[in-house]
Each structure stands twice: as structure tokens, then as C-alpha cells.
Amino acid sequence: MAESFSFDVVSDFERQELVNALDQVKREISQRYDLKGTDTEVELDKENIFITTNGELTLNAVNDIIRQKAIKRKLSLKIFDYGDIEIVSGNKVKQTILLKKGIQQEIAKKISKSIRDQIKKINVSINGETLRVSSKSKNDLQLAIKLVSDLEETLNIPLKANNFR
């Protein structure tokens, strides 16, 4: 009986790394000369980041800092889904950044079909917000991992391969 190997495809990020990155952002906001006195707040809840500040220029600077810190912490920038800029109380602006997590059903079907079309002797099953890719050949799985990283660019969602067995 031949042994079967597998891995999972997920769209996820390290939450603690995001928390650490946002702590660094808050520290930099409090120390930077151009951002002092701007009443800038960066808050994180379960699936959103809220930025409140006194102008669009400051908001753009804060978003740049968030991107820089995320890259340093090896977080994909594709996890951020920037919402519209809202004007709140006087001259303050607020932006909500949705954190993308999980693979939607129709995207999971596209990924599954693409992998099965390219590599014939491979099985792909959809388990909620993850995909399980299995094969008897480790080489086929390596090809599938490469294919997943290529699909990440075209689908514009963060994809990771983990749980190798």
C-alpha cells in the first residue's frame, strides 16, 4: 500500500504578529515629529483595524507605517482590505481596514479546479475555509504548492500551505 502525503491551503495570518506590528505603529506615531499632536488613534478588534486622525494626509502616512511594519513582521499586505474614508466630527477622518481571513467557497472551487486541471494525480477537497491537497507523490505536492503561490498573485488573497503530512 502506497503512502499518501497532503497539505492544507489556508488564507490566514499570525494575529500576534499583527498586534506587535500595530504596537510598533502606535509607538512610531507618538514619536514622529510630523504626527505629534494629530490625535491619531489606531485600534484593533477581532476582524478590523480602525484609524481615526485629523486629515487624509496623516491617514496616508499612518497607512504607510502600517504597511512597513507588516512587511517587517512578514505579514502579507493582501490581508488588508482598505475601506472608504469617512469624515467624522468636524475635521477628523476615519478608515476601517478589514482583515481578510479564510477562503470563500467560490474562490476555493477555483483553486481546486485549477490544481486538478494542472496536476492529474492529485486530490483536492474543500473543508470549510481550507483546502486539503493530497497525493501519493511528493513531487506533485511540490508542484501544487508552486501553483498555489502563483494563484495567490492572480486571486489577490493571501494563501499559505501548511500541515504537511
N, C-alpha and C. Protein backbone atom coordinates (compact mmCIF):
# COMPACT_ATOMS: atom_id res chain seq x y z
N MET A 1 0.85 -1.19 0.00
CA MET A 1 0.00 0.00 0.00
C MET A 1 0.89 1.24 0.00
N ALA A 2 0.65 2.11 -0.95
CA ALA A 2 1.46 3.33 -1.07
C ALA A 2 1.00 4.37 -0.06
N GLU A 3 1.97 5.13 0.44
CA GLU A 3 1.69 6.17 1.42
C GLU A 3 1.18 7.41 0.72
N SER A 4 0.24 8.11 1.36
CA SER A 4 -0.32 9.33 0.78
C SER A 4 0.17 10.54 1.59
N PHE A 5 0.53 11.60 0.89
CA PHE A 5 1.01 12.83 1.51
C PHE A 5 -0.01 13.93 1.28
N SER A 6 -0.02 14.93 2.17
CA SER A 6 -1.00 16.02 1.99
C SER A 6 -0.52 17.30 2.64
N PHE A 7 -1.18 18.39 2.29
CA PHE A 7 -1.00 19.67 2.95
C PHE A 7 -2.30 20.45 2.85
N ASP A 8 -2.43 21.49 3.68
CA ASP A 8 -3.62 22.34 3.67
C ASP A 8 -3.29 23.69 3.06
N VAL A 9 -4.25 24.24 2.32
CA VAL A 9 -4.12 25.59 1.79
C VAL A 9 -5.06 26.46 2.62
N VAL A 10 -4.51 27.50 3.25
CA VAL A 10 -5.30 28.38 4.11
C VAL A 10 -5.03 29.83 3.74
N SER A 11 -5.97 30.68 4.09
CA SER A 11 -5.79 32.12 3.98
C SER A 11 -5.85 32.65 5.40
N ASP A 12 -4.68 32.87 5.99
CA ASP A 12 -4.62 33.21 7.40
C ASP A 12 -3.38 34.05 7.66
N PHE A 13 -3.29 34.61 8.85
CA PHE A 13 -2.12 35.38 9.24
C PHE A 13 -1.90 35.19 10.73
N GLU A 14 -0.69 35.50 11.17
CA GLU A 14 -0.34 35.40 12.59
C GLU A 14 -0.90 36.62 13.31
N ARG A 15 -1.92 36.43 14.11
CA ARG A 15 -2.55 37.56 14.80
C ARG A 15 -1.58 38.27 15.75
N GLN A 16 -0.75 37.51 16.44
CA GLN A 16 0.19 38.13 17.38
C GLN A 16 1.19 39.02 16.65
N GLU A 17 1.59 38.61 15.45
CA GLU A 17 2.49 39.45 14.65
C GLU A 17 1.79 40.76 14.27
N LEU A 18 0.50 40.68 13.96
CA LEU A 18 -0.26 41.90 13.63
C LEU A 18 -0.36 42.80 14.85
N VAL A 19 -0.63 42.22 16.02
CA VAL A 19 -0.70 43.00 17.26
C VAL A 19 0.64 43.70 17.52
N ASN A 20 1.74 42.96 17.34
CA ASN A 20 3.07 43.55 17.54
C ASN A 20 3.34 44.67 16.54
N ALA A 21 2.95 44.46 15.28
CA ALA A 21 3.15 45.48 14.25
C ALA A 21 2.37 46.75 14.60
N LEU A 22 1.12 46.60 15.07
CA LEU A 22 0.31 47.77 15.41
C LEU A 22 0.84 48.47 16.66
N ASP A 23 1.44 47.72 17.58
CA ASP A 23 2.10 48.35 18.73
C ASP A 23 3.26 49.23 18.27
N GLN A 24 4.03 48.72 17.30
CA GLN A 24 5.13 49.50 16.75
C GLN A 24 4.61 50.74 16.02
N VAL A 25 3.48 50.59 15.33
CA VAL A 25 2.88 51.73 14.62
C VAL A 25 2.50 52.81 15.63
N LYS A 26 1.84 52.42 16.71
CA LYS A 26 1.43 53.40 17.73
C LYS A 26 2.65 54.10 18.34
N ARG A 27 3.71 53.35 18.59
CA ARG A 27 4.92 53.93 19.15
C ARG A 27 5.53 54.94 18.17
N GLU A 28 5.57 54.57 16.89
CA GLU A 28 6.14 55.48 15.89
C GLU A 28 5.29 56.74 15.73
N ILE A 29 3.96 56.60 15.79
CA ILE A 29 3.07 57.76 15.69
C ILE A 29 3.35 58.73 16.84
N SER A 30 3.55 58.19 18.04
CA SER A 30 3.79 59.06 19.20
C SER A 30 5.16 59.74 19.14
N GLN A 31 6.10 59.18 18.38
CA GLN A 31 7.46 59.72 18.34
C GLN A 31 7.75 60.58 17.13
N ARG A 32 7.04 60.36 16.03
CA ARG A 32 7.36 61.12 14.81
C ARG A 32 6.91 62.56 14.92
N TYR A 33 7.78 63.46 14.51
CA TYR A 33 7.51 64.89 14.62
C TYR A 33 6.29 65.31 13.79
N ASP A 34 6.18 64.78 12.57
CA ASP A 34 5.07 65.18 11.70
C ASP A 34 3.72 64.61 12.14
N LEU A 35 3.72 63.63 13.05
CA LEU A 35 2.46 63.03 13.51
C LEU A 35 2.10 63.40 14.95
N LYS A 36 2.97 64.12 15.64
CA LYS A 36 2.67 64.53 17.01
C LYS A 36 1.53 65.54 16.99
N GLY A 37 0.62 65.41 17.94
CA GLY A 37 -0.49 66.35 18.06
C GLY A 37 -1.57 66.17 17.02
N THR A 38 -1.59 65.04 16.32
CA THR A 38 -2.62 64.82 15.30
C THR A 38 -3.81 64.04 15.83
N ASP A 39 -3.80 63.69 17.11
CA ASP A 39 -4.89 62.91 17.72
C ASP A 39 -5.16 61.63 16.92
N THR A 40 -4.13 60.93 16.52
CA THR A 40 -4.27 59.72 15.73
C THR A 40 -4.46 58.52 16.65
N GLU A 41 -5.50 57.73 16.35
CA GLU A 41 -5.77 56.51 17.10
C GLU A 41 -5.80 55.32 16.14
N VAL A 42 -5.14 54.26 16.53
CA VAL A 42 -5.16 53.01 15.77
C VAL A 42 -5.68 51.94 16.71
N GLU A 43 -6.82 51.34 16.36
CA GLU A 43 -7.44 50.32 17.21
C GLU A 43 -7.64 49.03 16.43
N LEU A 44 -7.49 47.92 17.12
CA LEU A 44 -7.67 46.60 16.52
C LEU A 44 -8.79 45.88 17.25
N ASP A 45 -9.76 45.36 16.48
CA ASP A 45 -10.75 44.47 17.09
C ASP A 45 -10.61 43.11 16.43
N LYS A 46 -11.61 42.28 16.54
CA LYS A 46 -11.50 40.90 16.08
C LYS A 46 -11.13 40.78 14.59
N GLU A 47 -11.79 41.57 13.75
CA GLU A 47 -11.52 41.44 12.31
C GLU A 47 -11.35 42.78 11.58
N ASN A 48 -11.08 43.85 12.30
CA ASN A 48 -10.89 45.17 11.69
C ASN A 48 -9.80 45.95 12.40
N ILE A 49 -9.22 46.90 11.65
CA ILE A 49 -8.35 47.92 12.23
C ILE A 49 -9.04 49.25 11.97
N PHE A 50 -9.16 50.08 13.00
CA PHE A 50 -9.79 51.39 12.86
C PHE A 50 -8.72 52.46 13.04
N ILE A 51 -8.65 53.38 12.09
CA ILE A 51 -7.73 54.50 12.18
C ILE A 51 -8.55 55.78 12.21
N THR A 52 -8.34 56.60 13.22
CA THR A 52 -9.00 57.90 13.34
C THR A 52 -7.91 58.94 13.47
N THR A 53 -7.97 59.97 12.62
CA THR A 53 -6.95 61.02 12.67
C THR A 53 -7.54 62.32 12.15
N ASN A 54 -6.70 63.37 12.07
CA ASN A 54 -7.24 64.68 11.75
C ASN A 54 -7.12 65.09 10.28
N GLY A 55 -6.77 64.19 9.38
CA GLY A 55 -6.73 64.55 7.97
C GLY A 55 -6.29 63.39 7.10
N GLU A 56 -6.57 63.52 5.80
CA GLU A 56 -6.22 62.45 4.87
C GLU A 56 -4.72 62.29 4.72
N LEU A 57 -4.00 63.40 4.79
CA LEU A 57 -2.54 63.33 4.68
C LEU A 57 -1.95 62.50 5.82
N THR A 58 -2.42 62.75 7.02
CA THR A 58 -1.96 61.98 8.18
C THR A 58 -2.40 60.52 8.05
N LEU A 59 -3.61 60.28 7.57
CA LEU A 59 -4.13 58.93 7.38
C LEU A 59 -3.24 58.15 6.41
N ASN A 60 -2.84 58.79 5.31
CA ASN A 60 -1.96 58.13 4.35
C ASN A 60 -0.61 57.79 4.98
N ALA A 61 -0.09 58.69 5.80
CA ALA A 61 1.18 58.44 6.49
C ALA A 61 1.05 57.25 7.44
N VAL A 62 -0.06 57.17 8.17
CA VAL A 62 -0.28 56.06 9.10
C VAL A 62 -0.42 54.75 8.33
N ASN A 63 -1.14 54.76 7.21
CA ASN A 63 -1.28 53.55 6.39
C ASN A 63 0.07 53.08 5.87
N ASP A 64 0.94 54.03 5.49
CA ASP A 64 2.29 53.66 5.05
C ASP A 64 3.07 53.00 6.17
N ILE A 65 2.95 53.54 7.38
CA ILE A 65 3.66 52.96 8.53
C ILE A 65 3.14 51.55 8.80
N ILE A 66 1.81 51.37 8.72
CA ILE A 66 1.22 50.03 8.94
C ILE A 66 1.78 49.04 7.92
N ARG A 67 1.84 49.44 6.66
CA ARG A 67 2.38 48.55 5.61
C ARG A 67 3.85 48.21 5.89
N GLN A 68 4.64 49.21 6.27
CA GLN A 68 6.07 48.97 6.55
C GLN A 68 6.24 47.98 7.69
N LYS A 69 5.50 48.18 8.77
CA LYS A 69 5.64 47.32 9.94
C LYS A 69 5.13 45.91 9.64
N ALA A 70 4.08 45.81 8.83
CA ALA A 70 3.55 44.49 8.46
C ALA A 70 4.57 43.71 7.64
N ILE A 71 5.23 44.39 6.71
CA ILE A 71 6.24 43.72 5.88
C ILE A 71 7.40 43.25 6.74
N LYS A 72 7.84 44.09 7.69
CA LYS A 72 8.95 43.69 8.56
C LYS A 72 8.58 42.48 9.41
N ARG A 73 7.31 42.32 9.73
CA ARG A 73 6.85 41.19 10.54
C ARG A 73 6.40 40.02 9.68
N LYS A 74 6.70 40.07 8.38
CA LYS A 74 6.39 39.00 7.42
C LYS A 74 4.89 38.72 7.31
N LEU A 75 4.09 39.79 7.37
CA LEU A 75 2.66 39.68 7.13
C LEU A 75 2.39 40.09 5.69
N SER A 76 1.52 39.36 5.01
CA SER A 76 1.17 39.72 3.64
C SER A 76 0.31 40.98 3.64
N LEU A 77 0.59 41.88 2.71
CA LEU A 77 -0.22 43.09 2.60
C LEU A 77 -1.61 42.78 2.04
N LYS A 78 -1.80 41.57 1.53
CA LYS A 78 -3.09 41.17 0.97
C LYS A 78 -4.14 40.91 2.06
N ILE A 79 -3.72 40.86 3.32
CA ILE A 79 -4.70 40.66 4.39
C ILE A 79 -5.49 41.94 4.66
N PHE A 80 -4.98 43.08 4.19
CA PHE A 80 -5.64 44.36 4.44
C PHE A 80 -6.60 44.70 3.31
N ASP A 81 -7.86 44.95 3.66
CA ASP A 81 -8.87 45.41 2.70
C ASP A 81 -9.31 46.79 3.16
N TYR A 82 -8.77 47.82 2.51
CA TYR A 82 -9.00 49.20 2.94
C TYR A 82 -10.41 49.66 2.60
N GLY A 83 -11.11 50.17 3.60
CA GLY A 83 -12.46 50.69 3.40
C GLY A 83 -12.42 52.14 2.98
N ASP A 84 -13.59 52.71 2.78
CA ASP A 84 -13.69 54.12 2.39
C ASP A 84 -13.31 55.02 3.57
N ILE A 85 -12.87 56.21 3.23
CA ILE A 85 -12.52 57.20 4.24
C ILE A 85 -13.78 57.96 4.60
N GLU A 86 -14.12 57.97 5.90
CA GLU A 86 -15.32 58.66 6.38
C GLU A 86 -14.91 59.93 7.12
N ILE A 87 -15.71 60.97 6.98
CA ILE A 87 -15.48 62.19 7.74
C ILE A 87 -16.34 62.12 8.99
N VAL A 88 -15.70 62.26 10.16
CA VAL A 88 -16.41 62.21 11.44
C VAL A 88 -16.11 63.47 12.22
N SER A 89 -17.06 63.95 12.97
CA SER A 89 -16.99 65.10 13.87
C SER A 89 -15.95 66.16 13.48
N GLY A 90 -16.40 67.10 12.68
CA GLY A 90 -15.53 68.22 12.30
C GLY A 90 -14.54 67.83 11.23
N ASN A 91 -13.26 67.96 11.55
CA ASN A 91 -12.24 67.70 10.52
C ASN A 91 -11.58 66.34 10.67
N LYS A 92 -12.08 65.48 11.54
CA LYS A 92 -11.49 64.16 11.73
C LYS A 92 -11.94 63.20 10.62
N VAL A 93 -11.05 62.28 10.27
CA VAL A 93 -11.38 61.25 9.29
C VAL A 93 -11.16 59.88 9.93
N LYS A 94 -11.92 58.89 9.44
CA LYS A 94 -11.82 57.53 9.97
C LYS A 94 -11.79 56.56 8.81
N GLN A 95 -10.95 55.55 8.94
CA GLN A 95 -10.91 54.49 7.93
C GLN A 95 -10.91 53.14 8.64
N THR A 96 -11.67 52.22 8.07
CA THR A 96 -11.72 50.86 8.59
C THR A 96 -10.98 49.95 7.62
N ILE A 97 -10.07 49.16 8.17
CA ILE A 97 -9.33 48.18 7.36
C ILE A 97 -9.82 46.80 7.78
N LEU A 98 -10.48 46.11 6.86
CA LEU A 98 -10.97 44.75 7.11
C LEU A 98 -9.80 43.78 6.97
N LEU A 99 -9.69 42.84 7.90
CA LEU A 99 -8.64 41.84 7.84
C LEU A 99 -9.19 40.58 7.16
N LYS A 100 -8.62 40.22 6.02
CA LYS A 100 -9.08 39.06 5.26
C LYS A 100 -8.55 37.78 5.90
N LYS A 101 -9.46 36.85 6.12
CA LYS A 101 -9.09 35.57 6.72
C LYS A 101 -10.06 34.51 6.20
N GLY A 102 -9.55 33.38 5.79
CA GLY A 102 -10.40 32.31 5.27
C GLY A 102 -10.59 32.41 3.77
N ILE A 103 -10.87 31.28 3.16
CA ILE A 103 -11.07 31.21 1.71
C ILE A 103 -12.56 31.06 1.44
N GLN A 104 -13.11 31.97 0.66
CA GLN A 104 -14.53 31.90 0.32
C GLN A 104 -14.78 30.70 -0.59
N GLN A 105 -16.01 30.22 -0.57
CA GLN A 105 -16.38 28.99 -1.26
C GLN A 105 -16.07 29.03 -2.77
N GLU A 106 -16.47 30.12 -3.44
CA GLU A 106 -16.26 30.18 -4.90
C GLU A 106 -14.78 30.28 -5.25
N ILE A 107 -13.99 30.95 -4.41
CA ILE A 107 -12.55 31.02 -4.64
C ILE A 107 -11.92 29.66 -4.39
N ALA A 108 -12.38 28.96 -3.37
CA ALA A 108 -11.89 27.61 -3.07
C ALA A 108 -12.15 26.67 -4.26
N LYS A 109 -13.31 26.81 -4.88
CA LYS A 109 -13.63 25.99 -6.06
C LYS A 109 -12.70 26.30 -7.22
N LYS A 110 -12.38 27.59 -7.42
CA LYS A 110 -11.46 27.98 -8.49
C LYS A 110 -10.07 27.39 -8.25
N ILE A 111 -9.60 27.49 -7.01
CA ILE A 111 -8.28 26.96 -6.67
C ILE A 111 -8.26 25.45 -6.89
N SER A 112 -9.29 24.78 -6.41
CA SER A 112 -9.38 23.33 -6.55
C SER A 112 -9.36 22.91 -8.01
N LYS A 113 -10.16 23.57 -8.83
CA LYS A 113 -10.24 23.24 -10.25
C LYS A 113 -8.90 23.49 -10.94
N SER A 114 -8.28 24.60 -10.62
CA SER A 114 -7.01 24.95 -11.23
C SER A 114 -5.93 23.91 -10.91
N ILE A 115 -5.86 23.49 -9.65
CA ILE A 115 -4.87 22.49 -9.26
C ILE A 115 -5.14 21.16 -9.96
N ARG A 116 -6.41 20.73 -9.97
CA ARG A 116 -6.75 19.44 -10.60
C ARG A 116 -6.54 19.46 -12.11
N ASP A 117 -6.74 20.62 -12.76
CA ASP A 117 -6.52 20.71 -14.20
C ASP A 117 -5.04 20.61 -14.55
N GLN A 118 -4.19 21.17 -13.70
CA GLN A 118 -2.75 21.21 -13.98
C GLN A 118 -2.05 19.89 -13.61
N ILE A 119 -2.48 19.29 -12.50
CA ILE A 119 -1.81 18.08 -12.00
C ILE A 119 -2.86 16.97 -11.92
N LYS A 120 -2.68 15.93 -12.70
CA LYS A 120 -3.72 14.91 -12.85
C LYS A 120 -3.87 13.99 -11.63
N LYS A 121 -2.77 13.53 -11.06
CA LYS A 121 -2.85 12.54 -9.98
C LYS A 121 -2.85 13.22 -8.61
N ILE A 122 -3.82 14.09 -8.40
CA ILE A 122 -3.87 14.82 -7.14
C ILE A 122 -5.33 14.95 -6.70
N ASN A 123 -5.56 14.93 -5.40
CA ASN A 123 -6.91 15.09 -4.85
C ASN A 123 -6.99 16.40 -4.08
N VAL A 124 -8.08 17.14 -4.31
CA VAL A 124 -8.29 18.40 -3.59
C VAL A 124 -9.68 18.35 -2.99
N SER A 125 -9.76 18.57 -1.67
CA SER A 125 -11.08 18.61 -1.03
C SER A 125 -11.23 19.91 -0.27
N ILE A 126 -12.43 20.46 -0.29
CA ILE A 126 -12.72 21.72 0.38
C ILE A 126 -13.30 21.41 1.76
N ASN A 127 -12.63 21.92 2.81
CA ASN A 127 -13.09 21.72 4.19
C ASN A 127 -13.36 23.08 4.81
N GLY A 128 -14.56 23.60 4.64
CA GLY A 128 -14.89 24.92 5.20
C GLY A 128 -14.10 26.01 4.52
N GLU A 129 -13.19 26.65 5.27
CA GLU A 129 -12.39 27.74 4.71
C GLU A 129 -10.96 27.31 4.38
N THR A 130 -10.72 26.00 4.30
CA THR A 130 -9.41 25.48 3.92
C THR A 130 -9.57 24.45 2.82
N LEU A 131 -8.46 24.15 2.14
CA LEU A 131 -8.43 23.10 1.13
C LEU A 131 -7.39 22.07 1.55
N ARG A 132 -7.71 20.80 1.41
CA ARG A 132 -6.76 19.73 1.67
C ARG A 132 -6.33 19.18 0.32
N VAL A 133 -5.01 19.23 0.06
CA VAL A 133 -4.44 18.72 -1.19
C VAL A 133 -3.66 17.47 -0.83
N SER A 134 -3.97 16.35 -1.49
CA SER A 134 -3.27 15.10 -1.18
C SER A 134 -2.88 14.37 -2.45
N SER A 135 -1.79 13.62 -2.35
CA SER A 135 -1.28 12.86 -3.48
C SER A 135 -0.33 11.78 -2.95
N LYS A 136 -0.04 10.80 -3.78
CA LYS A 136 0.92 9.77 -3.41
C LYS A 136 2.34 10.21 -3.75
N SER A 137 2.45 11.27 -4.52
CA SER A 137 3.76 11.77 -4.95
C SER A 137 4.09 13.10 -4.28
N LYS A 138 5.25 13.16 -3.62
CA LYS A 138 5.69 14.42 -3.02
C LYS A 138 5.99 15.45 -4.11
N ASN A 139 6.44 15.01 -5.26
CA ASN A 139 6.74 15.93 -6.36
C ASN A 139 5.47 16.64 -6.84
N ASP A 140 4.37 15.89 -6.91
CA ASP A 140 3.10 16.50 -7.31
C ASP A 140 2.68 17.56 -6.29
N LEU A 141 2.89 17.27 -5.01
CA LEU A 141 2.54 18.24 -3.97
C LEU A 141 3.40 19.49 -4.06
N GLN A 142 4.69 19.32 -4.39
CA GLN A 142 5.55 20.48 -4.57
C GLN A 142 5.09 21.34 -5.74
N LEU A 143 4.66 20.69 -6.81
CA LEU A 143 4.09 21.42 -7.95
C LEU A 143 2.83 22.17 -7.54
N ALA A 144 2.01 21.51 -6.72
CA ALA A 144 0.77 22.13 -6.25
C ALA A 144 1.07 23.35 -5.38
N ILE A 145 2.09 23.27 -4.52
CA ILE A 145 2.47 24.41 -3.68
C ILE A 145 2.90 25.58 -4.56
N LYS A 146 3.68 25.29 -5.58
CA LYS A 146 4.12 26.35 -6.52
C LYS A 146 2.90 26.95 -7.22
N LEU A 147 1.97 26.12 -7.61
CA LEU A 147 0.75 26.59 -8.27
C LEU A 147 -0.07 27.47 -7.33
N VAL A 148 -0.15 27.09 -6.06
CA VAL A 148 -0.89 27.89 -5.07
C VAL A 148 -0.26 29.27 -4.92
N SER A 149 1.08 29.33 -4.90
CA SER A 149 1.74 30.64 -4.77
C SER A 149 1.50 31.49 -6.02
N ASP A 150 1.40 30.86 -7.20
CA ASP A 150 1.07 31.61 -8.42
C ASP A 150 -0.38 32.11 -8.37
N LEU A 151 -1.27 31.27 -7.85
CA LEU A 151 -2.69 31.66 -7.75
C LEU A 151 -2.88 32.80 -6.76
N GLU A 152 -2.04 32.86 -5.75
CA GLU A 152 -2.13 33.93 -4.75
C GLU A 152 -2.01 35.29 -5.44
N GLU A 153 -1.13 35.39 -6.43
CA GLU A 153 -0.94 36.66 -7.15
C GLU A 153 -2.18 37.00 -7.99
N THR A 154 -2.74 36.02 -8.69
CA THR A 154 -3.87 36.31 -9.58
C THR A 154 -5.17 36.53 -8.82
N LEU A 155 -5.38 35.82 -7.71
CA LEU A 155 -6.62 35.95 -6.94
C LEU A 155 -6.58 37.08 -5.92
N ASN A 156 -5.38 37.60 -5.64
CA ASN A 156 -5.18 38.71 -4.71
C ASN A 156 -5.69 38.41 -3.29
N ILE A 157 -5.43 37.18 -2.84
CA ILE A 157 -5.71 36.83 -1.45
C ILE A 157 -4.48 36.14 -0.89
N PRO A 158 -4.23 36.28 0.41
CA PRO A 158 -3.05 35.63 0.99
C PRO A 158 -3.29 34.12 1.15
N LEU A 159 -2.46 33.31 0.55
CA LEU A 159 -2.59 31.85 0.65
C LEU A 159 -1.32 31.27 1.22
N LYS A 160 -1.47 30.30 2.11
CA LYS A 160 -0.32 29.61 2.69
C LYS A 160 -0.57 28.11 2.63
N ALA A 161 0.52 27.38 2.45
CA ALA A 161 0.46 25.92 2.51
C ALA A 161 1.03 25.50 3.86
N ASN A 162 0.27 24.72 4.63
CA ASN A 162 0.78 24.26 5.93
C ASN A 162 0.25 22.85 6.23
N ASN A 163 0.58 22.32 7.40
CA ASN A 163 0.18 20.97 7.84
C ASN A 163 0.64 19.88 6.87
N PHE A 164 1.91 19.92 6.51
CA PHE A 164 2.44 18.90 5.61
C PHE A 164 2.45 17.55 6.33
N ARG A 165 1.94 16.53 5.66
CA ARG A 165 1.90 15.19 6.27
C ARG A 165 2.36 14.18 5.25
